Amino acid sequence: MAFLLIDDATVFDGTGVPPRDRTSVLISAGTIRAVGPRGSFRAPRDAETLSAHGRFLMPGLVDLHTHMITRDAFAFLRRFGPPMQASDPERFLRWFPAFGVTSVRDIGNYRGILKLRDRVASGDLLGPTILAAGELLEGVRSVWPLSRTFHTAGGAAGEVRRQSEMGVDWLKLYVNVPPSLARAAIGEAHARGIPVAGHLSATSARQAASYGIDSLEHASTLVDDGFLPPEWRRRVPRGSDIPAVRERSRFRWLHADFDGPAARDLIAKLRQHRVVVSPTMVVLENIYVGPNREFEKYGVRDMPARWRATWEGRLRTFLADGKPHSANPAVWSKIREFVKRLRRAGVTVIPSTDAAGWNPYASPGASLHRELALLRECGYSNRELLTMATSGAAKALRREWEFGTVSPGQRADLLLLRGNPLRDLGHLREIDTVFLRGTPHAPANLRP
């Protein structure tokens, strides 16, 4: 059994405690075997030693909301941009660890995601560990071709059983699932030990939280008509097509009362039922006001041109008459304001990006850096954010026993950085070495 000693690093273990200087970490068979002050434990004579003096070691980052490129999604992606190439699924995977992301949750995809997950787990493909949901559970009608529909509680439970037998790690409820079917699906999933996420509309965030849903996706989906003062509630735009749904969401955010009973009720339910909010702030920024210029430089321009073309094509589906809605900046400001309130209220928020082959400029890996910067603007400290994106994310995924901290028994998914991100999050981009299951990789070699 080969051993690797990372010697004399400053170690942030992911739990939120202050980093420890002059610390060594011993790895073998993809697992952390020992952690302690330099010289406090004996490494095998034949251990390879990597001197980490002056370097910062921390757990790999976790992205709680992604969608990988899978080969069975190629026809779908063609709706928005040029054809994908056969190498794109593997190439997309590798960009995550190139930016320090070593674990992801793929929260809705074609069935090919399960094969992709298993090939990474077996070592056949290089990429982040994937926890995967299957096809979207969309209820009474479908928006996307990767969705499953059902019309009764029995149908909802049957779809949960089908996906359980496929071997999914999570389930994803989508916008058209009404309250009664959402409750049935969540109950059946929990009976089978499967956690449930929701990108919801027909069922409100407050309703889903009361049913015990495990995570709510996208900060933009959290408000409902109850957030509106009575004079505005009577004027909510109606309609079931996508433009009408988006206009209704804008209207709710523009006129929502964050001090009213609905907001207090949501926050109380999120806390009571320990629901994780997966805000995907970076993709919301891209949609509402466009990518940050600095993020464009390192997170968009270096990506393959066909991915960028597909993201651009997808962005056009959010535009009315070819231009952004005039109210978008105000909506974006209100979303950020509400996330600040979630932090102050102690609601669990975990960084997430919606990185995908099809979401506007949601680039793999790099998007998480922008997500952390946006949450920093919402009041989170650097230490809070690094904890949220490591051990906090592992706990949200029910995998805290497997990854998320620098401690014995954990999978050796680690980042060795040239600077301290507790002082400046920009140092997360200064990656010296990425360790995937104990194997060191230079970031430049992960970008084929």
Protein backbone atom coordinates (compact mmCIF):
# COMPACT_ATOMS: atom_id res chain seq x y z
CA MET A 1 0.00 0.00 0.00
CA ALA A 2 1.59 3.27 -1.16
CA PHE A 3 1.67 6.16 1.29
CA LEU A 4 1.83 9.90 0.65
CA LEU A 5 2.82 12.36 3.37
CA ILE A 6 1.74 15.99 2.86
CA ASP A 7 4.21 17.60 5.19
CA ASP A 8 4.24 20.92 7.04
CA ALA A 9 1.09 22.60 5.70
CA THR A 10 -1.30 25.10 7.24
CA VAL A 11 -4.44 22.97 7.52
CA PHE A 12 -8.03 24.16 7.58
CA ASP A 13 -9.93 20.99 8.42
CA GLY A 14 -13.34 22.17 7.17
CA THR A 15 -15.10 22.17 10.54
CA GLY A 16 -14.79 25.92 11.05
CA VAL A 17 -12.07 25.86 13.69
CA PRO A 18 -9.00 28.03 13.06
CA PRO A 19 -6.35 26.56 10.77
CA ARG A 20 -3.35 24.76 12.25
CA ASP A 21 0.17 25.58 11.15
CA ARG A 22 2.98 23.04 10.64
CA THR A 23 0.56 20.13 10.24
CA SER A 24 1.08 16.89 8.31
CA VAL A 25 -1.43 14.55 6.65
CA LEU A 26 -0.79 10.91 5.77
CA ILE A 27 -2.73 9.33 2.90
CA SER A 28 -2.97 5.79 1.57
CA ALA A 29 -5.45 3.94 -0.65
CA GLY A 30 -7.36 7.16 -1.25
CA THR A 31 -8.05 7.71 2.46
CA ILE A 32 -6.66 10.06 5.08
CA ARG A 33 -4.85 7.89 7.66
CA ALA A 34 -3.41 10.43 10.08
CA VAL A 35 -3.45 14.18 10.74
CA GLY A 36 -1.33 15.96 13.33
CA PRO A 37 1.48 18.39 14.12
CA ARG A 38 4.60 17.81 12.08
CA GLY A 39 6.54 14.90 13.56
CA SER A 40 3.70 13.76 15.83
CA PHE A 41 3.19 10.45 13.99
CA ARG A 42 5.48 8.07 12.16
CA ALA A 43 5.10 7.71 8.40
CA PRO A 44 6.23 4.48 6.68
CA ARG A 45 9.80 4.58 5.41
CA ASP A 46 8.73 4.24 1.81
CA ALA A 47 6.13 7.01 2.01
CA GLU A 48 6.42 9.66 -0.67
CA THR A 49 6.74 13.10 0.91
CA LEU A 50 5.27 16.27 -0.55
CA SER A 51 6.66 19.34 1.16
CA ALA A 52 3.80 21.78 1.76
CA HIS A 53 5.65 24.44 3.72
CA GLY A 54 4.00 27.79 3.13
CA ARG A 55 0.97 26.12 1.53
CA PHE A 56 -2.66 25.96 2.72
CA LEU A 57 -4.40 22.56 2.79
CA MET A 58 -8.17 22.17 3.01
CA PRO A 59 -10.94 19.77 1.97
CA GLY A 60 -12.05 19.80 -1.64
CA LEU A 61 -15.02 21.99 -2.43
CA VAL A 62 -18.54 20.60 -2.90
CA ASP A 63 -21.11 21.95 -5.38
CA LEU A 64 -24.62 21.09 -4.20
CA HIS A 65 -26.45 21.73 -7.49
CA THR A 66 -25.07 20.68 -10.88
CA HIS A 67 -26.13 18.91 -14.08
CA MET A 68 -23.41 17.04 -15.94
CA ILE A 69 -23.24 16.79 -19.71
CA THR A 70 -24.34 13.25 -20.55
CA ARG A 71 -24.35 11.70 -24.00
CA ASP A 72 -28.08 11.09 -23.88
CA ALA A 73 -28.54 14.88 -23.39
CA PHE A 74 -26.85 15.77 -26.68
CA ALA A 75 -30.13 16.13 -28.62
CA PHE A 76 -31.57 18.33 -25.88
CA LEU A 77 -28.47 20.54 -25.81
CA ARG A 78 -28.70 20.95 -29.58
CA ARG A 79 -31.82 23.08 -29.00
CA PHE A 80 -29.63 25.86 -27.62
CA GLY A 81 -26.32 25.67 -29.44
CA PRO A 82 -23.93 23.73 -31.66
CA PRO A 83 -23.60 19.94 -31.41
CA MET A 84 -21.68 18.54 -28.49
CA GLN A 85 -18.65 16.36 -29.13
CA ALA A 86 -18.16 12.82 -27.88
CA SER A 87 -15.46 13.97 -25.46
CA ASP A 88 -17.60 16.67 -23.82
CA PRO A 89 -19.04 14.61 -20.93
CA GLU A 90 -15.57 13.61 -19.75
CA ARG A 91 -14.12 17.04 -20.41
CA PHE A 92 -16.93 18.74 -18.47
CA LEU A 93 -16.23 16.45 -15.51
CA ARG A 94 -12.55 17.33 -15.36
CA TRP A 95 -13.15 21.08 -15.16
CA PHE A 96 -14.71 20.70 -11.70
CA PRO A 97 -11.53 19.50 -9.94
CA ALA A 98 -9.47 21.91 -12.06
CA PHE A 99 -11.15 24.60 -9.95
CA GLY A 100 -11.04 22.62 -6.71
CA VAL A 101 -14.50 21.03 -6.75
CA THR A 102 -14.08 17.38 -5.78
CA SER A 103 -17.71 16.36 -5.05
CA VAL A 104 -21.00 17.36 -6.69
CA ARG A 105 -24.68 16.59 -6.51
CA ASP A 106 -26.21 16.16 -9.98
CA ILE A 107 -29.79 17.10 -9.23
CA GLY A 108 -31.71 16.10 -12.36
CA ASN A 109 -30.51 14.53 -15.58
CA TYR A 110 -31.01 11.79 -18.11
CA ARG A 111 -30.47 8.21 -16.93
CA GLY A 112 -26.93 8.29 -18.29
CA ILE A 113 -25.90 10.25 -15.21
CA LEU A 114 -25.96 7.01 -13.20
CA LYS A 115 -23.44 5.41 -15.55
CA LEU A 116 -21.29 8.53 -15.41
CA ARG A 117 -21.44 8.49 -11.60
CA ASP A 118 -20.41 4.83 -11.49
CA ARG A 119 -17.57 5.26 -13.96
CA VAL A 120 -16.08 8.03 -11.82
CA ALA A 121 -16.51 5.93 -8.67
CA SER A 122 -14.74 2.97 -10.30
CA GLY A 123 -11.80 5.12 -11.43
CA ASP A 124 -12.65 4.69 -15.10
CA LEU A 125 -13.21 8.45 -15.45
CA LEU A 126 -11.46 11.36 -13.79
CA GLY A 127 -13.76 13.80 -12.08
CA PRO A 128 -15.56 14.75 -8.89
CA THR A 129 -17.49 12.21 -6.88
CA ILE A 130 -21.11 12.42 -8.08
CA LEU A 131 -24.25 11.98 -6.02
CA ALA A 132 -27.06 11.72 -8.56
CA ALA A 133 -30.76 12.20 -8.82
CA GLY A 134 -32.43 10.64 -11.82
CA GLU A 135 -35.01 12.17 -14.12
CA LEU A 136 -37.06 15.10 -12.84
CA LEU A 137 -40.32 14.21 -11.08
CA GLU A 138 -42.58 16.80 -12.62
CA GLY A 139 -46.10 15.78 -11.70
CA VAL A 140 -49.04 16.53 -13.93
CA ARG A 141 -47.23 17.93 -16.99
CA SER A 142 -43.71 18.17 -18.29
CA VAL A 143 -41.51 21.15 -19.12
CA TRP A 144 -38.38 19.16 -20.00
CA PRO A 145 -37.80 15.93 -21.95
CA LEU A 146 -35.92 14.49 -18.96
CA SER A 147 -39.08 14.57 -16.80
CA ARG A 148 -41.49 11.95 -15.47
CA THR A 149 -45.16 12.76 -15.01
CA PHE A 150 -47.83 11.30 -12.70
CA HIS A 151 -51.33 12.34 -11.67
CA THR A 152 -52.11 10.50 -8.44
CA ALA A 153 -50.44 9.87 -5.09
CA GLY A 154 -50.06 6.24 -6.11
CA GLY A 155 -48.40 7.32 -9.33
CA ALA A 156 -46.00 9.57 -7.43
CA ALA A 157 -45.07 6.74 -5.06
CA GLY A 158 -44.63 4.38 -8.00
CA GLU A 159 -42.23 6.77 -9.71
CA VAL A 160 -40.24 7.08 -6.50
CA ARG A 161 -40.00 3.29 -6.30
CA ARG A 162 -38.88 3.07 -9.94
CA GLN A 163 -36.08 5.56 -9.39
CA SER A 164 -35.11 3.89 -6.12
CA GLU A 165 -34.66 0.63 -8.01
CA MET A 166 -32.49 2.50 -10.57
CA GLY A 167 -30.14 3.36 -7.70
CA VAL A 168 -30.49 7.14 -7.43
CA ASP A 169 -28.91 8.98 -4.49
CA TRP A 170 -31.49 11.78 -4.45
CA LEU A 171 -34.87 12.61 -5.96
CA LYS A 172 -35.80 15.94 -7.57
CA LEU A 173 -39.34 17.35 -7.57
CA TYR A 174 -39.96 19.92 -10.26
CA VAL A 175 -42.23 22.88 -10.87
CA ASN A 176 -45.53 21.20 -11.80
CA VAL A 177 -45.84 18.85 -8.82
CA PRO A 178 -48.91 19.97 -6.83
CA PRO A 179 -48.93 19.84 -3.00
CA SER A 180 -50.71 16.50 -2.60
CA LEU A 181 -48.34 14.72 -4.99
CA ALA A 182 -45.27 16.43 -3.51
CA ARG A 183 -46.24 15.17 -0.07
CA ALA A 184 -46.81 11.64 -1.41
CA ALA A 185 -43.44 11.58 -3.21
CA ILE A 186 -41.55 12.93 -0.19
CA GLY A 187 -43.19 10.39 2.12
CA GLU A 188 -42.38 7.45 -0.15
CA ALA A 189 -38.81 8.63 -0.70
CA HIS A 190 -38.14 9.04 3.00
CA ALA A 191 -39.60 5.60 3.69
CA ARG A 192 -36.92 4.30 1.31
CA GLY A 193 -34.14 6.41 2.81
CA ILE A 194 -33.80 8.72 -0.18
CA PRO A 195 -33.54 12.50 0.38
CA VAL A 196 -35.60 14.85 -1.77
CA ALA A 197 -34.80 18.20 -3.38
CA GLY A 198 -37.29 20.54 -4.98
CA HIS A 199 -37.28 23.23 -7.66
CA LEU A 200 -40.90 24.11 -7.05
CA SER A 201 -43.72 26.35 -8.18
CA ALA A 202 -47.13 24.59 -7.97
CA THR A 203 -46.11 23.57 -4.46
CA SER A 204 -44.76 26.48 -2.44
CA ALA A 205 -41.49 26.42 -0.53
CA ARG A 206 -43.49 26.78 2.69
CA GLN A 207 -45.64 23.77 1.86
CA ALA A 208 -42.67 21.63 0.84
CA ALA A 209 -40.79 22.56 4.02
CA SER A 210 -43.76 21.48 6.13
CA TYR A 211 -43.75 18.11 4.30
CA GLY A 212 -40.10 17.60 5.29
CA ILE A 213 -38.38 18.16 1.95
CA ASP A 214 -34.60 18.01 2.40
CA SER A 215 -33.45 20.85 0.18
CA LEU A 216 -35.01 23.69 -1.78
CA GLU A 217 -33.28 24.70 -5.01
CA HIS A 218 -32.77 28.29 -6.21
CA ALA A 219 -33.33 31.26 -3.94
CA SER A 220 -35.63 32.66 -6.62
CA THR A 221 -38.28 29.99 -5.89
CA LEU A 222 -38.74 30.74 -2.18
CA VAL A 223 -41.51 33.37 -2.30
CA ASP A 224 -45.19 32.72 -2.98
CA ASP A 225 -48.36 34.82 -3.26
CA GLY A 226 -48.63 34.93 0.53
CA PHE A 227 -45.58 37.22 0.65
CA LEU A 228 -47.59 39.93 -1.12
CA PRO A 229 -49.62 42.62 0.64
CA PRO A 230 -53.35 42.20 -0.12
CA GLU A 231 -53.46 45.06 -2.65
CA TRP A 232 -50.76 43.33 -4.74
CA ARG A 233 -52.02 39.79 -4.25
CA ARG A 234 -55.11 40.56 -6.34
CA ARG A 235 -52.90 41.68 -9.24
CA VAL A 236 -50.62 38.64 -9.56
CA PRO A 237 -50.11 37.70 -13.25
CA ARG A 238 -51.73 34.40 -14.17
CA GLY A 239 -51.00 31.80 -16.81
CA SER A 240 -49.17 28.47 -17.03
CA ASP A 241 -46.78 28.99 -19.95
CA ILE A 242 -43.12 29.73 -19.21
CA PRO A 243 -43.24 33.51 -19.90
CA ALA A 244 -46.24 33.84 -17.56
CA VAL A 245 -44.53 31.83 -14.84
CA ARG A 246 -41.43 34.02 -15.07
CA GLU A 247 -43.49 37.21 -15.01
CA ARG A 248 -45.32 35.95 -11.91
CA SER A 249 -42.01 35.24 -10.19
CA ARG A 250 -40.74 38.75 -11.00
CA PHE A 251 -43.96 40.28 -9.70
CA ARG A 252 -43.75 38.36 -6.42
CA TRP A 253 -40.18 39.40 -5.77
CA LEU A 254 -40.75 43.04 -6.64
CA HIS A 255 -43.67 43.36 -4.20
CA ALA A 256 -42.78 40.77 -1.53
CA ASP A 257 -42.98 41.85 2.10
CA PHE A 258 -40.03 40.26 3.89
CA ASP A 259 -41.34 41.42 7.27
CA GLY A 260 -44.79 39.89 6.82
CA PRO A 261 -46.26 36.65 8.19
CA ALA A 262 -45.43 34.54 5.10
CA ALA A 263 -41.71 35.35 5.29
CA ARG A 264 -41.66 34.63 9.03
CA ASP A 265 -43.57 31.38 8.40
CA LEU A 266 -41.11 30.22 5.73
CA ILE A 267 -38.06 30.96 7.85
CA ALA A 268 -39.62 29.18 10.85
CA LYS A 269 -40.42 26.10 8.74
CA LEU A 270 -36.94 26.02 7.19
CA ARG A 271 -35.39 26.07 10.64
CA GLN A 272 -37.87 23.67 12.26
CA HIS A 273 -37.52 21.02 9.55
CA ARG A 274 -33.81 21.67 8.93
CA VAL A 275 -34.35 22.29 5.24
CA VAL A 276 -31.23 23.20 3.28
CA VAL A 277 -31.48 26.13 0.88
CA SER A 278 -29.38 25.61 -2.24
CA PRO A 279 -29.47 29.18 -3.63
CA THR A 280 -27.58 28.93 -6.98
CA MET A 281 -26.84 32.64 -6.77
CA VAL A 282 -24.34 32.65 -9.62
CA VAL A 283 -26.75 31.37 -12.27
CA LEU A 284 -29.41 33.81 -11.02
CA GLU A 285 -26.90 36.64 -11.39
CA ASN A 286 -26.10 35.46 -14.92
CA ILE A 287 -29.79 35.43 -15.85
CA TYR A 288 -30.94 38.63 -14.15
CA VAL A 289 -28.01 41.00 -14.69
CA GLY A 290 -25.37 39.08 -16.65
CA PRO A 291 -22.05 37.51 -15.64
CA ASN A 292 -19.65 39.44 -13.45
CA ARG A 293 -16.78 40.72 -15.59
CA GLU A 294 -14.04 39.18 -13.47
CA PHE A 295 -15.91 35.85 -13.47
CA GLU A 296 -16.14 36.04 -17.25
CA LYS A 297 -12.34 36.26 -17.47
CA TYR A 298 -11.58 33.08 -15.57
CA GLY A 299 -14.87 31.21 -15.57
CA VAL A 300 -16.34 31.62 -19.04
CA ARG A 301 -13.80 32.65 -21.66
CA ASP A 302 -11.51 29.66 -21.14
CA MET A 303 -14.34 27.17 -21.61
CA PRO A 304 -14.88 25.47 -25.01
CA ALA A 305 -16.57 27.75 -27.54
CA ARG A 306 -19.49 25.36 -28.15
CA TRP A 307 -20.32 25.34 -24.42
CA ARG A 308 -20.33 29.13 -24.39
CA ALA A 309 -22.51 29.18 -27.50
CA THR A 310 -24.99 26.82 -25.87
CA TRP A 311 -25.09 28.96 -22.72
CA GLU A 312 -25.71 32.03 -24.88
CA GLY A 313 -28.51 30.24 -26.71
CA ARG A 314 -30.10 29.21 -23.44
CA LEU A 315 -29.88 32.76 -22.10
CA ARG A 316 -31.94 33.96 -25.07
CA THR A 317 -34.84 31.84 -23.81
CA PHE A 318 -34.96 34.10 -20.73
CA LEU A 319 -35.18 37.29 -22.81
CA ALA A 320 -38.36 39.00 -23.95
CA ASP A 321 -38.05 40.65 -27.36
CA GLY A 322 -34.33 39.90 -27.30
CA LYS A 323 -33.45 41.95 -24.24
CA PRO A 324 -33.56 41.54 -20.45
CA HIS A 325 -36.66 42.61 -18.56
CA SER A 326 -36.29 46.12 -17.12
CA ALA A 327 -37.23 44.88 -13.64
CA ASN A 328 -34.50 42.23 -13.50
CA PRO A 329 -31.93 44.29 -11.54
CA ALA A 330 -34.55 45.11 -8.89
CA VAL A 331 -35.52 41.44 -8.61
CA TRP A 332 -31.87 40.45 -8.25
CA SER A 333 -31.45 43.02 -5.47
CA LYS A 334 -34.48 41.62 -3.60
CA ILE A 335 -33.21 38.04 -3.90
CA ARG A 336 -29.87 39.04 -2.37
CA GLU A 337 -31.67 40.90 0.39
CA PHE A 338 -33.69 37.80 1.29
CA VAL A 339 -30.60 35.59 1.37
CA LYS A 340 -29.09 38.05 3.85
CA ARG A 341 -32.16 37.52 6.02
CA LEU A 342 -31.78 33.75 5.80
CA ARG A 343 -28.25 34.07 7.14
CA ARG A 344 -29.33 36.30 10.02
CA ALA A 345 -32.13 33.85 10.85
CA GLY A 346 -29.75 30.87 10.99
CA VAL A 347 -31.25 28.99 8.02
CA THR A 348 -28.85 26.45 6.50
CA VAL A 349 -27.63 27.77 3.15
CA ILE A 350 -25.11 25.74 1.15
CA PRO A 351 -23.28 27.18 -1.91
CA SER A 352 -24.47 25.77 -5.23
CA THR A 353 -24.25 26.85 -8.85
CA ASP A 354 -26.56 25.04 -11.30
CA ALA A 355 -23.42 24.39 -13.37
CA ALA A 356 -24.65 22.58 -16.46
CA GLY A 357 -24.24 22.10 -20.15
CA TRP A 358 -27.36 24.21 -20.66
CA ASN A 359 -27.61 26.94 -17.99
CA PRO A 360 -26.40 30.44 -18.89
CA TYR A 361 -22.66 30.69 -18.26
CA ALA A 362 -22.89 28.20 -15.37
CA SER A 363 -19.39 26.90 -15.96
CA PRO A 364 -18.13 23.77 -14.18
CA GLY A 365 -15.98 24.43 -11.13
CA ALA A 366 -15.33 28.12 -11.68
CA SER A 367 -18.96 29.02 -10.97
CA LEU A 368 -18.58 27.92 -7.36
CA HIS A 369 -15.90 30.57 -6.83
CA ARG A 370 -18.34 33.25 -8.00
CA GLU A 371 -21.09 31.71 -5.85
CA LEU A 372 -18.89 32.09 -2.77
CA ALA A 373 -18.14 35.70 -3.68
CA LEU A 374 -21.85 36.47 -4.03
CA LEU A 375 -22.65 34.90 -0.68
CA ARG A 376 -19.79 36.90 0.82
CA GLU A 377 -21.69 40.00 -0.32
CA CYS A 378 -24.72 38.63 1.56
CA GLY A 379 -22.81 38.83 4.85
CA TYR A 380 -21.15 35.45 5.23
CA SER A 381 -17.56 35.44 6.44
CA ASN A 382 -14.83 33.59 4.55
CA ARG A 383 -14.62 31.01 7.32
CA GLU A 384 -18.38 30.44 7.20
CA LEU A 385 -18.28 30.03 3.44
CA LEU A 386 -15.38 27.56 3.40
CA THR A 387 -17.10 25.53 6.11
CA MET A 388 -20.40 25.63 4.21
CA ALA A 389 -18.72 24.48 0.97
CA THR A 390 -16.93 21.55 2.65
CA SER A 391 -18.25 19.93 5.84
CA GLY A 392 -21.57 21.80 5.61
CA ALA A 393 -22.20 20.48 2.12
CA ALA A 394 -21.19 16.95 3.14
CA LYS A 395 -23.67 17.08 6.01
CA ALA A 396 -26.41 18.38 3.70
CA LEU A 397 -25.70 15.41 1.41
CA ARG A 398 -25.77 12.94 4.34
CA ARG A 399 -22.15 12.04 3.57
CA GLU A 400 -20.27 13.71 6.41
CA TRP A 401 -18.78 10.31 7.26
CA GLU A 402 -17.21 10.15 3.79
CA PHE A 403 -15.82 13.58 2.87
CA GLY A 404 -15.83 17.25 3.81
CA THR A 405 -13.12 17.42 6.47
CA VAL A 406 -9.39 16.78 6.79
CA SER A 407 -9.59 13.98 9.32
CA PRO A 408 -8.65 10.28 9.54
CA GLY A 409 -11.02 7.97 7.69
CA GLN A 410 -12.20 10.62 5.24
CA ARG A 411 -11.71 10.28 1.50
CA ALA A 412 -8.56 12.16 0.53
CA ASP A 413 -10.17 14.83 -1.64
CA LEU A 414 -8.04 17.85 -0.82
CA LEU A 415 -6.82 21.19 -2.12
CA LEU A 416 -3.30 22.49 -1.64
CA LEU A 417 -3.32 26.25 -2.20
CA ARG A 418 -0.58 28.83 -2.54
CA GLY A 419 -2.51 31.38 -0.45
CA ASN A 420 -4.91 31.47 2.48
CA PRO A 421 -8.57 31.79 1.35
CA LEU A 422 -9.65 32.63 4.88
CA ARG A 423 -7.96 35.98 4.25
CA ASP A 424 -9.05 36.38 0.64
CA LEU A 425 -11.39 34.02 -1.27
CA GLY A 426 -9.41 34.83 -4.40
CA HIS A 427 -6.71 32.47 -3.13
CA LEU A 428 -9.05 29.56 -3.98
CA ARG A 429 -7.98 30.12 -7.57
CA GLU A 430 -4.31 29.66 -6.63
CA ILE A 431 -4.39 25.87 -6.62
CA ASP A 432 -1.06 24.12 -6.36
CA THR A 433 -2.39 20.55 -6.28
CA VAL A 434 -5.79 18.86 -6.29
CA PHE A 435 -6.03 15.46 -4.61
CA LEU A 436 -8.79 13.20 -5.94
CA ARG A 437 -9.12 10.07 -3.82
CA GLY A 438 -5.54 10.62 -2.72
CA THR A 439 -4.03 11.05 -6.18
CA PRO A 440 -2.37 14.44 -6.81
CA HIS A 441 -3.19 16.39 -9.97
CA ALA A 442 -1.90 19.69 -11.31
CA PRO A 443 -4.91 21.86 -12.25
CA ALA A 444 -3.48 22.59 -15.70
CA ASN A 445 -3.46 18.85 -16.47
CA LEU A 446 -7.20 18.62 -15.70
CA ARG A 447 -8.14 21.05 -18.46
CA PRO A 448 -7.81 18.99 -21.65
